């Protein structure tokens, strides 16, 4: 499906938040997805991922997650310096600020005539996977896809400890976790806590686990695995289709 692209500006906490929006080109009403990037923001790999998802019939809204600490349009490269800068941005952003951004994008999607406001979901990578996990606390979110979500069991997200693992019972929608067993950012013990918490709270969830490293779906890095990434995207598309179609 062909897509269209546009840039939107939202004001959150007196800060201008850029939102990249990719939508099906064919006029209609589609499910909406809040799309969270990794720490490098809206660079080529994340734009391509958002576009790819939109092509399957979703209105995808991707905010710049560090709009409070970086200028509009800033993209960090996946280098040691870029990683340092991205992690510092994450550290300096209060956890409630991330939640406010989620609320703003949800409200934006609900106001779009091309979006079915009863069919909203979230998807994210790395820190964005954690943000997609927290987005599931919002009552409108029917499905969340968390790709190698970092810091959930230990509450590592931004300034202050995130209460994500303590709020699992608030999740009413379905969830898909995409995890690599070789990912040092989500070690076995963290995976065990995360999955057990979902089980205990009776959250409907699925897990795609493969023998890969962190960011194996990011198509510009040395950890990129095209085969595993394609398989993971197949799981993601099937999961969302099962919820929204």
Protein backbone atom coordinates (compact mmCIF):
# COMPACT_ATOMS: atom_id res chain seq x y z
CA UNK A 1 0.00 0.00 0.00
CA UNK A 2 1.35 3.43 -0.94
CA UNK A 3 1.72 5.94 1.85
CA UNK A 4 1.76 9.68 2.49
CA UNK A 5 4.00 11.49 4.93
CA UNK A 6 3.65 14.71 6.90
CA UNK A 7 5.14 16.56 9.83
CA UNK A 8 3.00 17.75 12.73
CA UNK A 9 3.90 19.98 15.67
CA UNK A 10 2.30 19.44 19.08
CA UNK A 11 2.93 21.54 22.17
CA UNK A 12 3.54 19.50 25.31
CA UNK A 13 4.59 21.16 28.56
CA UNK A 14 5.36 24.32 26.59
CA UNK A 15 7.78 22.39 24.37
CA UNK A 16 7.27 21.91 20.63
CA UNK A 17 7.18 18.21 19.85
CA UNK A 18 7.69 17.21 16.23
CA UNK A 19 5.60 14.22 15.17
CA UNK A 20 6.31 12.35 11.94
CA UNK A 21 3.12 10.86 10.52
CA UNK A 22 2.99 8.15 7.86
CA UNK A 23 -0.44 7.09 6.56
CA UNK A 24 -1.96 4.95 3.81
CA UNK A 25 -2.40 6.98 0.64
CA UNK A 26 -5.81 5.48 -0.05
CA UNK A 27 -8.50 7.52 1.65
CA UNK A 28 -10.15 5.62 4.49
CA UNK A 29 -10.26 5.09 8.23
CA UNK A 30 -7.42 3.08 9.75
CA UNK A 31 -6.07 2.02 13.14
CA UNK A 32 -3.61 4.48 14.67
CA UNK A 33 -0.20 3.59 16.12
CA UNK A 34 1.91 5.64 18.52
CA UNK A 35 5.42 4.84 17.29
CA UNK A 36 8.44 5.28 19.56
CA UNK A 37 12.00 5.43 18.27
CA UNK A 38 15.19 4.30 19.93
CA UNK A 39 17.52 6.83 21.57
CA UNK A 40 18.74 8.13 18.20
CA UNK A 41 15.33 9.61 17.33
CA UNK A 42 13.85 9.91 13.84
CA UNK A 43 16.75 8.88 11.62
CA UNK A 44 16.55 6.78 8.49
CA UNK A 45 16.04 3.36 10.12
CA UNK A 46 13.16 4.58 12.27
CA UNK A 47 11.51 6.49 9.42
CA UNK A 48 11.74 3.38 7.24
CA UNK A 49 10.19 1.28 10.00
CA UNK A 50 7.32 3.73 10.46
CA UNK A 51 6.73 3.85 6.70
CA UNK A 52 6.79 0.06 6.49
CA UNK A 53 4.13 -0.25 9.16
CA UNK A 54 1.97 2.44 7.57
CA UNK A 55 2.00 0.46 4.34
CA UNK A 56 0.06 -2.29 6.08
CA UNK A 57 -2.84 0.04 6.73
CA UNK A 58 -1.99 2.07 9.84
CA UNK A 59 -1.72 5.76 10.61
CA UNK A 60 1.66 5.87 12.34
CA UNK A 61 2.55 8.87 14.52
CA UNK A 62 6.18 9.03 15.66
CA UNK A 63 7.15 11.78 18.11
CA UNK A 64 10.63 13.08 18.78
CA UNK A 65 11.09 11.67 22.26
CA UNK A 66 13.75 14.19 23.30
CA UNK A 67 12.07 17.40 22.19
CA UNK A 68 12.63 18.95 25.63
CA UNK A 69 16.41 18.55 25.44
CA UNK A 70 17.25 18.67 21.72
CA UNK A 71 16.41 21.01 18.81
CA UNK A 72 13.71 20.01 16.36
CA UNK A 73 14.89 17.51 13.77
CA UNK A 74 17.98 16.43 15.67
CA UNK A 75 19.04 12.89 14.77
CA UNK A 76 21.86 11.14 16.59
CA UNK A 77 24.03 8.64 14.76
CA UNK A 78 24.56 5.17 16.28
CA UNK A 79 28.15 5.93 17.25
CA UNK A 80 29.70 5.97 20.74
CA UNK A 81 29.11 9.73 20.91
CA UNK A 82 25.57 9.39 19.60
CA UNK A 83 24.84 6.70 22.15
CA UNK A 84 26.28 8.87 24.91
CA UNK A 85 24.16 11.83 23.85
CA UNK A 86 20.99 9.78 23.48
CA UNK A 87 21.39 8.16 26.87
CA UNK A 88 22.01 11.56 28.46
CA UNK A 89 18.80 12.87 26.90
CA UNK A 90 16.96 9.89 28.31
CA UNK A 91 18.48 10.43 31.75
CA UNK A 92 17.44 14.10 31.82
CA UNK A 93 13.83 13.54 30.74
CA UNK A 94 11.42 13.05 33.67
CA UNK A 95 9.31 9.90 33.46
CA UNK A 96 6.02 11.87 33.68
CA UNK A 97 7.16 13.90 30.65
CA UNK A 98 7.29 10.75 28.52
CA UNK A 99 3.76 9.92 29.66
CA UNK A 100 2.57 13.42 28.75
CA UNK A 101 3.98 12.96 25.25
CA UNK A 102 2.12 9.67 24.90
CA UNK A 103 -1.11 11.35 25.96
CA UNK A 104 -0.57 14.13 23.41
CA UNK A 105 0.00 11.73 20.51
CA UNK A 106 -3.01 9.61 21.49
CA UNK A 107 -5.19 12.73 21.53
CA UNK A 108 -3.76 13.78 18.17
CA UNK A 109 -4.61 10.41 16.61
CA UNK A 110 -8.10 10.48 18.08
CA UNK A 111 -8.67 13.82 16.38
CA UNK A 112 -7.60 12.62 12.92
CA UNK A 113 -10.48 11.83 10.54
CA UNK A 114 -8.41 9.01 9.00
CA UNK A 115 -8.04 7.21 12.35
CA UNK A 116 -10.50 4.85 14.01
CA UNK A 117 -10.28 6.12 17.58
CA UNK A 118 -11.40 2.72 18.89
CA UNK A 119 -8.39 1.07 17.28
CA UNK A 120 -5.24 2.54 18.77
CA UNK A 121 -1.96 0.80 19.50
CA UNK A 122 1.67 1.49 20.33
CA UNK A 123 4.99 0.19 19.05
CA UNK A 124 8.55 1.01 20.00
CA UNK A 125 12.19 -0.04 19.95
CA UNK A 126 14.72 -0.06 22.81
CA UNK A 127 13.78 2.89 25.06
CA UNK A 128 10.79 3.17 22.74
CA UNK A 129 9.87 -0.41 23.64
CA UNK A 130 9.66 0.69 27.27
CA UNK A 131 7.58 3.69 26.22
CA UNK A 132 5.25 1.40 24.28
CA UNK A 133 4.96 -0.70 27.43
CA UNK A 134 3.91 2.38 29.42
CA UNK A 135 1.55 3.46 26.64
CA UNK A 136 -0.39 0.28 27.38
CA UNK A 137 -1.46 1.87 30.67
CA UNK A 138 -3.65 4.25 28.64
CA UNK A 139 -7.19 2.95 28.27
CA UNK A 140 -7.32 3.67 24.53
CA UNK A 141 -4.35 1.42 23.70
CA UNK A 142 -5.66 -1.95 22.58
CA UNK A 143 -2.32 -3.43 21.48
CA UNK A 144 1.32 -2.73 22.31
CA UNK A 145 4.42 -4.04 20.55
CA UNK A 146 7.56 -3.75 22.66
CA UNK A 147 10.73 -4.51 20.70
CA UNK A 148 13.64 -5.24 23.02
CA UNK A 149 12.23 -2.88 25.70
CA UNK A 150 14.97 -1.68 28.02
CA UNK A 151 14.75 -0.96 31.72
CA UNK A 152 11.23 -2.18 32.50
CA UNK A 153 11.93 -4.44 35.50
CA UNK A 154 14.51 -2.10 37.03
CA UNK A 155 12.58 1.11 36.38
CA UNK A 156 15.27 2.63 34.17
CA UNK A 157 13.77 5.08 31.70
CA UNK A 158 14.43 8.72 32.56
CA UNK A 159 14.89 11.05 35.51
CA UNK A 160 13.43 9.27 38.51
CA UNK A 161 12.58 5.62 38.77
CA UNK A 162 9.88 4.40 36.39
CA UNK A 163 7.06 2.45 38.07
CA UNK A 164 6.36 0.43 34.91
CA UNK A 165 6.70 -3.06 36.39
CA UNK A 166 4.44 -2.10 39.31
CA UNK A 167 1.62 -1.00 37.02
CA UNK A 168 1.30 -4.07 34.83
CA UNK A 169 -2.19 -4.73 36.18
CA UNK A 170 -3.33 -1.50 34.47
CA UNK A 171 -2.74 -3.02 31.04
CA UNK A 172 -6.06 -3.98 29.50
CA UNK A 173 -4.98 -4.51 25.90
CA UNK A 174 -2.81 -7.19 24.30
CA UNK A 175 0.97 -7.09 24.14
CA UNK A 176 3.69 -8.53 21.93
CA UNK A 177 7.28 -8.67 23.18
CA UNK A 178 10.14 -8.99 20.68
CA UNK A 179 13.33 -10.02 22.46
CA UNK A 180 16.80 -11.29 21.58
CA UNK A 181 18.34 -13.80 23.96
CA UNK A 182 21.80 -12.27 23.41
CA UNK A 183 20.64 -8.79 24.38
CA UNK A 184 22.66 -7.61 27.41
CA UNK A 185 20.13 -4.84 28.04
CA UNK A 186 17.40 -7.41 28.71
CA UNK A 187 19.22 -10.25 30.47
CA UNK A 188 17.56 -13.52 31.37
CA UNK A 189 16.57 -12.44 34.88
CA UNK A 190 14.91 -9.28 33.56
CA UNK A 191 13.05 -11.28 30.91
CA UNK A 192 11.87 -13.68 33.58
CA UNK A 193 10.56 -10.85 35.79
CA UNK A 194 8.89 -9.14 32.85
CA UNK A 195 7.11 -12.24 31.57
CA UNK A 196 6.11 -13.39 35.05
CA UNK A 197 4.61 -9.98 35.80
CA UNK A 198 2.48 -10.19 32.67
CA UNK A 199 1.39 -13.72 33.61
CA UNK A 200 0.52 -12.73 37.17
CA UNK A 201 -1.54 -9.76 35.96
CA UNK A 202 -3.25 -11.97 33.37
CA UNK A 203 -2.26 -9.65 30.53
CA UNK A 204 -2.85 -11.28 27.16
CA UNK A 205 0.56 -11.39 25.56
CA UNK A 206 2.75 -13.11 23.01
CA UNK A 207 6.52 -13.32 22.84
CA UNK A 208 8.83 -13.56 19.86
CA UNK A 209 12.26 -14.66 21.08
CA UNK A 210 15.27 -15.20 18.85
CA UNK A 211 19.00 -15.69 19.34
CA UNK A 212 19.96 -12.12 18.54
CA UNK A 213 21.49 -9.03 20.07
CA UNK A 214 20.00 -5.66 20.96
CA UNK A 215 18.68 -3.58 18.02
CA UNK A 216 18.73 -6.55 15.63
CA UNK A 217 15.85 -4.94 13.70
CA UNK A 218 17.69 -1.65 13.07
CA UNK A 219 18.82 -1.86 9.47
CA UNK A 220 21.96 0.29 9.63
CA UNK A 221 23.93 -1.38 12.39
CA UNK A 222 26.36 -4.26 12.79
CA UNK A 223 23.80 -6.15 14.88
CA UNK A 224 21.18 -6.08 12.11
CA UNK A 225 19.88 -9.52 11.18
CA UNK A 226 17.71 -9.27 8.04
CA UNK A 227 16.22 -12.75 8.43
CA UNK A 228 15.33 -12.38 12.12
CA UNK A 229 14.07 -8.86 11.47
CA UNK A 230 11.78 -10.09 8.70
CA UNK A 231 10.47 -12.84 10.96
CA UNK A 232 9.90 -10.36 13.77
CA UNK A 233 8.04 -7.96 11.48
CA UNK A 234 5.89 -10.87 10.35
CA UNK A 235 4.95 -11.49 13.97
CA UNK A 236 4.26 -7.79 14.52
CA UNK A 237 2.00 -7.45 11.48
CA UNK A 238 0.12 -10.65 12.30
CA UNK A 239 -0.33 -9.57 15.92
CA UNK A 240 -1.71 -6.15 15.03
CA UNK A 241 -3.93 -7.59 12.32
CA UNK A 242 -5.37 -10.06 14.84
CA UNK A 243 -6.29 -7.21 17.18
CA UNK A 244 -7.53 -4.59 14.74
CA UNK A 245 -8.97 -6.47 11.74
